[in-house]
Amino acid sequence: MDADAHLPVPPRPSVVVVAHGDMDLDTSAPLAESLLAAAHAHPVVVLDTSGVTFADSAFLNLLLRAHALTELRIAAPPHQLQRLLEMTGADTVLHIHPTVQAATSAAPLSDREAS
């Protein structure tokens, strides 16, 4: 094999962002900064929501803004967050996975849409 030859590397999510605690207008600013920075820098971002204890419409708005910038994958949403996503219909727009492992190993949307 030539020294200049490169084996193709399958596309993988480049970053996992972790959310924890209450996510509302008053508390989600640090997460918003990290999530939006990751969304601007990476084609796929996994958001681990397993530690979220409360989420409101401000958090939902943040998810939708990040989703517009990147392929956002929501991983391990707790019951309250899953319910919020279902009640608002956001679960039909956002890509939700039961675990971080499932979110990081999922094929990129471009690959799934091509098949």
C-alpha atoms as a PDB file:
ATOM      1  CA  MET A   1       0.000   0.000   0.000  1.00  0.00           C
ATOM      2  CA  ASP A   2       1.336   3.442  -0.892  1.00  0.00           C
ATOM      3  CA  ALA A   3       2.325   5.684   1.989  1.00  0.00           C
ATOM      4  CA  ASP A   4      -0.033   8.302   0.570  1.00  0.00           C
ATOM      5  CA  ALA A   5      -3.013   5.928   0.332  1.00  0.00           C
ATOM      6  CA  HIS A   6      -5.782   6.470   2.855  1.00  0.00           C
ATOM      7  CA  LEU A   7      -8.472   4.030   3.809  1.00  0.00           C
ATOM      8  CA  PRO A   8     -11.907   5.621   3.923  1.00  0.00           C
ATOM      9  CA  VAL A   9     -13.148   6.191   7.441  1.00  0.00           C
ATOM     10  CA  PRO A  10     -16.882   5.778   7.904  1.00  0.00           C
ATOM     11  CA  PRO A  11     -18.527   9.018   8.995  1.00  0.00           C
ATOM     12  CA  ARG A  12     -19.184   9.080  12.731  1.00  0.00           C
ATOM     13  CA  PRO A  13     -20.624  11.667  15.048  1.00  0.00           C
ATOM     14  CA  SER A  14     -17.750  13.894  15.959  1.00  0.00           C
ATOM     15  CA  VAL A  15     -18.988  15.072  19.296  1.00  0.00           C
ATOM     16  CA  VAL A  16     -21.272  14.120  22.178  1.00  0.00           C
ATOM     17  CA  VAL A  17     -22.679  16.939  24.314  1.00  0.00           C
ATOM     18  CA  VAL A  18     -24.120  16.078  27.736  1.00  0.00           C
ATOM     19  CA  ALA A  19     -27.103  17.867  29.261  1.00  0.00           C
ATOM     20  CA  HIS A  20     -27.993  17.472  32.918  1.00  0.00           C
ATOM     21  CA  GLY A  21     -30.303  19.021  35.475  1.00  0.00           C
ATOM     22  CA  ASP A  22     -33.166  21.413  34.821  1.00  0.00           C
ATOM     23  CA  MET A  23     -33.244  22.842  31.312  1.00  0.00           C
ATOM     24  CA  ASP A  24     -35.251  26.039  31.187  1.00  0.00           C
ATOM     25  CA  LEU A  25     -34.768  29.665  30.184  1.00  0.00           C
ATOM     26  CA  ASP A  26     -32.805  30.460  33.352  1.00  0.00           C
ATOM     27  CA  THR A  27     -30.520  27.413  33.390  1.00  0.00           C
ATOM     28  CA  SER A  28     -29.814  26.317  29.825  1.00  0.00           C
ATOM     29  CA  ALA A  29     -27.413  29.089  28.712  1.00  0.00           C
ATOM     30  CA  PRO A  30     -24.193  27.066  29.277  1.00  0.00           C
ATOM     31  CA  LEU A  31     -25.634  24.108  27.386  1.00  0.00           C
ATOM     32  CA  ALA A  32     -26.884  26.401  24.609  1.00  0.00           C
ATOM     33  CA  GLU A  33     -23.381  27.786  24.151  1.00  0.00           C
ATOM     34  CA  SER A  34     -21.798  24.314  23.994  1.00  0.00           C
ATOM     35  CA  LEU A  35     -24.504  22.758  21.828  1.00  0.00           C
ATOM     36  CA  LEU A  36     -24.616  25.565  19.272  1.00  0.00           C
ATOM     37  CA  ALA A  37     -20.807  25.696  19.067  1.00  0.00           C
ATOM     38  CA  ALA A  38     -20.750  21.943  18.442  1.00  0.00           C
ATOM     39  CA  ALA A  39     -23.528  22.290  15.859  1.00  0.00           C
ATOM     40  CA  HIS A  40     -21.540  24.914  13.957  1.00  0.00           C
ATOM     41  CA  ALA A  41     -18.385  22.790  14.053  1.00  0.00           C
ATOM     42  CA  HIS A  42     -19.621  19.238  13.420  1.00  0.00           C
ATOM     43  CA  PRO A  43     -21.946  17.644  10.862  1.00  0.00           C
ATOM     44  CA  VAL A  44     -23.415  15.297  13.490  1.00  0.00           C
ATOM     45  CA  VAL A  45     -23.951  16.098  17.171  1.00  0.00           C
ATOM     46  CA  VAL A  46     -25.272  13.668  19.777  1.00  0.00           C
ATOM     47  CA  LEU A  47     -26.968  15.249  22.795  1.00  0.00           C
ATOM     48  CA  ASP A  48     -27.024  12.915  25.808  1.00  0.00           C
ATOM     49  CA  THR A  49     -30.199  13.946  27.666  1.00  0.00           C
ATOM     50  CA  SER A  50     -30.251  11.078  30.172  1.00  0.00           C
ATOM     51  CA  GLY A  51     -29.433  13.475  33.026  1.00  0.00           C
ATOM     52  CA  VAL A  52     -32.126  16.057  32.218  1.00  0.00           C
ATOM     53  CA  THR A  53     -34.529  16.341  35.158  1.00  0.00           C
ATOM     54  CA  PHE A  54     -36.831  18.998  33.676  1.00  0.00           C
ATOM     55  CA  ALA A  55     -37.213  20.580  30.246  1.00  0.00           C
ATOM     56  CA  ASP A  56     -39.480  23.358  28.995  1.00  0.00           C
ATOM     57  CA  SER A  57     -40.192  25.171  25.749  1.00  0.00           C
ATOM     58  CA  ALA A  58     -36.913  27.115  25.960  1.00  0.00           C
ATOM     59  CA  PHE A  59     -35.023  23.816  25.861  1.00  0.00           C
ATOM     60  CA  LEU A  60     -37.204  22.592  23.016  1.00  0.00           C
ATOM     61  CA  ASN A  61     -36.417  25.791  21.114  1.00  0.00           C
ATOM     62  CA  LEU A  62     -32.695  25.181  21.658  1.00  0.00           C
ATOM     63  CA  LEU A  63     -33.014  21.651  20.262  1.00  0.00           C
ATOM     64  CA  LEU A  64     -34.787  22.905  17.161  1.00  0.00           C
ATOM     65  CA  ARG A  65     -32.199  25.660  16.601  1.00  0.00           C
ATOM     66  CA  ALA A  66     -29.360  23.118  16.854  1.00  0.00           C
ATOM     67  CA  HIS A  67     -31.267  20.716  14.580  1.00  0.00           C
ATOM     68  CA  ALA A  68     -31.363  23.437  11.901  1.00  0.00           C
ATOM     69  CA  LEU A  69     -27.558  23.676  12.010  1.00  0.00           C
ATOM     70  CA  THR A  70     -26.493  20.029  12.115  1.00  0.00           C
ATOM     71  CA  GLU A  71     -27.740  16.468  12.255  1.00  0.00           C
ATOM     72  CA  LEU A  72     -28.748  16.561  15.921  1.00  0.00           C
ATOM     73  CA  ARG A  73     -29.360  13.214  17.590  1.00  0.00           C
ATOM     74  CA  ILE A  74     -31.174  13.223  20.925  1.00  0.00           C
ATOM     75  CA  ALA A  75     -29.988  10.300  23.058  1.00  0.00           C
ATOM     76  CA  ALA A  76     -31.659   8.688  26.065  1.00  0.00           C
ATOM     77  CA  PRO A  77     -34.421  11.209  26.730  1.00  0.00           C
ATOM     78  CA  PRO A  78     -36.031  10.697  30.149  1.00  0.00           C
ATOM     79  CA  HIS A  79     -39.793  10.237  30.324  1.00  0.00           C
ATOM     80  CA  GLN A  80     -40.634  13.927  30.907  1.00  0.00           C
ATOM     81  CA  LEU A  81     -38.543  15.062  27.941  1.00  0.00           C
ATOM     82  CA  GLN A  82     -39.873  12.280  25.725  1.00  0.00           C
ATOM     83  CA  ARG A  83     -43.404  13.385  26.646  1.00  0.00           C
ATOM     84  CA  LEU A  84     -42.607  17.035  25.786  1.00  0.00           C
ATOM     85  CA  LEU A  85     -41.219  15.964  22.416  1.00  0.00           C
ATOM     86  CA  GLU A  86     -44.292  13.846  21.684  1.00  0.00           C
ATOM     87  CA  MET A  87     -46.838  16.462  22.809  1.00  0.00           C
ATOM     88  CA  THR A  88     -45.279  19.153  20.630  1.00  0.00           C
ATOM     89  CA  GLY A  89     -44.668  16.906  17.623  1.00  0.00           C
ATOM     90  CA  ALA A  90     -40.937  17.555  17.869  1.00  0.00           C
ATOM     91  CA  ASP A  91     -40.390  13.797  17.964  1.00  0.00           C
ATOM     92  CA  THR A  92     -41.368  13.732  14.275  1.00  0.00           C
ATOM     93  CA  VAL A  93     -38.660  16.260  13.421  1.00  0.00           C
ATOM     94  CA  LEU A  94     -35.807  15.426  15.800  1.00  0.00           C
ATOM     95  CA  HIS A  95     -33.809  12.206  15.624  1.00  0.00           C
ATOM     96  CA  ILE A  96     -34.339  10.397  18.933  1.00  0.00           C
ATOM     97  CA  HIS A  97     -32.361   7.352  20.051  1.00  0.00           C
ATOM     98  CA  PRO A  98     -32.798   5.216  23.177  1.00  0.00           C
ATOM     99  CA  THR A  99     -29.108   5.368  24.153  1.00  0.00           C
ATOM    100  CA  VAL A 100     -25.950   7.310  23.413  1.00  0.00           C
ATOM    101  CA  GLN A 101     -24.524   4.117  21.895  1.00  0.00           C
ATOM    102  CA  ALA A 102     -27.462   3.858  19.482  1.00  0.00           C
ATOM    103  CA  ALA A 103     -27.136   7.534  18.546  1.00  0.00           C
ATOM    104  CA  THR A 104     -23.406   7.375  17.903  1.00  0.00           C
ATOM    105  CA  SER A 105     -23.588   4.176  15.885  1.00  0.00           C
ATOM    106  CA  ALA A 106     -26.553   5.179  13.687  1.00  0.00           C
ATOM    107  CA  ALA A 107     -25.780   5.739  10.025  1.00  0.00           C
ATOM    108  CA  PRO A 108     -25.724   9.373   8.938  1.00  0.00           C
ATOM    109  CA  LEU A 109     -29.028  10.600   7.526  1.00  0.00           C
ATOM    110  CA  SER A 110     -27.495  10.989   4.078  1.00  0.00           C
ATOM    111  CA  ASP A 111     -26.715   7.241   4.063  1.00  0.00           C
ATOM    112  CA  ARG A 112     -30.193   6.281   5.363  1.00  0.00           C
ATOM    113  CA  GLU A 113     -31.969   8.498   2.819  1.00  0.00           C
ATOM    114  CA  ALA A 114     -29.958   7.014  -0.064  1.00  0.00           C
ATOM    115  CA  SER A 115     -31.117   3.464   0.711  1.00  0.00           C
END
